[in-house]
Amino acid sequence: MNILLQESADILVTGPTAGMIPDAFFKRCVTVMGGIFVTKPDELLDVISEGGSGYHFFGKSAERTVIYNKYGM
């Protein structure tokens, strides 16, 4: 993978579960991880089971998170 990247490139991985294991990604030159932190799991499950989306739960039962690789930046 590294041969396809410019030396100054940042690699970002994002998704709802991306932040669960950042060290595994950071060991592979990922510089930024984006995910969510669930603050009210029962409310989140209710919203999702009713067909809700991020618009309905961000700021209410989940928060966006960003994790920076302090060694890779």
C-alpha atoms as a PDB file:
ATOM      1  CA  MET A   1       0.000   0.000   0.000  1.00  0.00           C
ATOM      2  CA  ASN A   2       2.755   2.458   0.875  1.00  0.00           C
ATOM      3  CA  ILE A   3       4.202   2.429  -2.642  1.00  0.00           C
ATOM      4  CA  LEU A   4       0.982   4.035  -3.908  1.00  0.00           C
ATOM      5  CA  LEU A   5       1.146   6.972  -1.501  1.00  0.00           C
ATOM      6  CA  GLN A   6       3.088  10.191  -1.603  1.00  0.00           C
ATOM      7  CA  GLU A   7       5.321  10.607   1.421  1.00  0.00           C
ATOM      8  CA  SER A   8       3.268  13.541   2.716  1.00  0.00           C
ATOM      9  CA  ALA A   9      -0.122  11.794   2.300  1.00  0.00           C
ATOM     10  CA  ASP A  10      -2.447  11.354   5.264  1.00  0.00           C
ATOM     11  CA  ILE A  11      -4.456   8.136   5.483  1.00  0.00           C
ATOM     12  CA  LEU A  12      -7.897   8.416   7.076  1.00  0.00           C
ATOM     13  CA  VAL A  13     -10.220   5.564   8.033  1.00  0.00           C
ATOM     14  CA  THR A  14     -13.757   6.351   9.071  1.00  0.00           C
ATOM     15  CA  GLY A  15     -16.867   4.411   9.970  1.00  0.00           C
ATOM     16  CA  PRO A  16     -19.040   3.605  12.969  1.00  0.00           C
ATOM     17  CA  THR A  17     -16.672   0.966  14.372  1.00  0.00           C
ATOM     18  CA  ALA A  18     -13.354   2.252  13.015  1.00  0.00           C
ATOM     19  CA  GLY A  19     -12.224   3.703  16.344  1.00  0.00           C
ATOM     20  CA  MET A  20     -12.580   0.414  18.211  1.00  0.00           C
ATOM     21  CA  ILE A  21      -9.041  -0.754  17.397  1.00  0.00           C
ATOM     22  CA  PRO A  22      -7.024   2.297  16.335  1.00  0.00           C
ATOM     23  CA  ASP A  23      -3.618   0.811  17.205  1.00  0.00           C
ATOM     24  CA  ALA A  24      -3.992  -1.898  14.553  1.00  0.00           C
ATOM     25  CA  PHE A  25      -4.573   0.798  11.927  1.00  0.00           C
ATOM     26  CA  PHE A  26      -1.920   3.145  13.304  1.00  0.00           C
ATOM     27  CA  LYS A  27       0.700   0.381  12.936  1.00  0.00           C
ATOM     28  CA  ARG A  28      -0.176   0.406   9.223  1.00  0.00           C
ATOM     29  CA  CYS A  29       0.470   4.139   8.710  1.00  0.00           C
ATOM     30  CA  VAL A  30      -3.116   5.380   9.207  1.00  0.00           C
ATOM     31  CA  THR A  31      -2.946   8.933  10.561  1.00  0.00           C
ATOM     32  CA  VAL A  32      -6.571   9.684  11.507  1.00  0.00           C
ATOM     33  CA  MET A  33      -9.495   7.495  12.614  1.00  0.00           C
ATOM     34  CA  GLY A  34     -13.101   8.681  12.664  1.00  0.00           C
ATOM     35  CA  GLY A  35     -15.963   6.903  14.381  1.00  0.00           C
ATOM     36  CA  ILE A  36     -18.707   7.297  16.952  1.00  0.00           C
ATOM     37  CA  PHE A  37     -18.993   7.035  20.728  1.00  0.00           C
ATOM     38  CA  VAL A  38     -22.376   5.790  21.913  1.00  0.00           C
ATOM     39  CA  THR A  39     -23.559   7.765  24.955  1.00  0.00           C
ATOM     40  CA  LYS A  40     -27.070   6.320  25.328  1.00  0.00           C
ATOM     41  CA  PRO A  41     -27.159   2.786  23.892  1.00  0.00           C
ATOM     42  CA  ASP A  42     -30.845   2.066  24.566  1.00  0.00           C
ATOM     43  CA  GLU A  43     -31.956   5.276  22.859  1.00  0.00           C
ATOM     44  CA  LEU A  44     -29.646   4.602  19.921  1.00  0.00           C
ATOM     45  CA  LEU A  45     -31.068   1.105  19.425  1.00  0.00           C
ATOM     46  CA  ASP A  46     -34.609   2.498  19.520  1.00  0.00           C
ATOM     47  CA  VAL A  47     -33.782   5.058  16.818  1.00  0.00           C
ATOM     48  CA  ILE A  48     -32.031   2.504  14.608  1.00  0.00           C
ATOM     49  CA  SER A  49     -34.835  -0.059  14.997  1.00  0.00           C
ATOM     50  CA  GLU A  50     -37.281   2.614  13.822  1.00  0.00           C
ATOM     51  CA  GLY A  51     -35.217   3.310  10.689  1.00  0.00           C
ATOM     52  CA  GLY A  52     -33.452   6.407  12.006  1.00  0.00           C
ATOM     53  CA  SER A  53     -30.110   7.671  10.743  1.00  0.00           C
ATOM     54  CA  GLY A  54     -27.222   9.776  12.016  1.00  0.00           C
ATOM     55  CA  TYR A  55     -29.392  12.853  11.684  1.00  0.00           C
ATOM     56  CA  HIS A  56     -31.638  11.398  14.377  1.00  0.00           C
ATOM     57  CA  PHE A  57     -29.012  10.260  16.898  1.00  0.00           C
ATOM     58  CA  PHE A  58     -25.855  12.397  16.614  1.00  0.00           C
ATOM     59  CA  GLY A  59     -25.733  14.782  19.554  1.00  0.00           C
ATOM     60  CA  LYS A  60     -28.530  12.897  21.313  1.00  0.00           C
ATOM     61  CA  SER A  61     -27.367   9.311  21.842  1.00  0.00           C
ATOM     62  CA  ALA A  62     -24.013   9.226  20.013  1.00  0.00           C
ATOM     63  CA  GLU A  63     -21.099  11.596  19.398  1.00  0.00           C
ATOM     64  CA  ARG A  64     -18.642  11.755  16.522  1.00  0.00           C
ATOM     65  CA  THR A  65     -15.038  11.025  17.478  1.00  0.00           C
ATOM     66  CA  VAL A  66     -11.689  11.660  15.828  1.00  0.00           C
ATOM     67  CA  ILE A  67      -8.519   9.890  16.962  1.00  0.00           C
ATOM     68  CA  TYR A  68      -5.160  11.169  15.722  1.00  0.00           C
ATOM     69  CA  ASN A  69      -2.051   9.017  15.475  1.00  0.00           C
ATOM     70  CA  LYS A  70       0.432  11.227  17.292  1.00  0.00           C
ATOM     71  CA  TYR A  71       3.345   9.205  15.916  1.00  0.00           C
ATOM     72  CA  GLY A  72       2.211   9.175  12.289  1.00  0.00           C
ATOM     73  CA  MET A  73       1.557  12.862  11.763  1.00  0.00           C
END
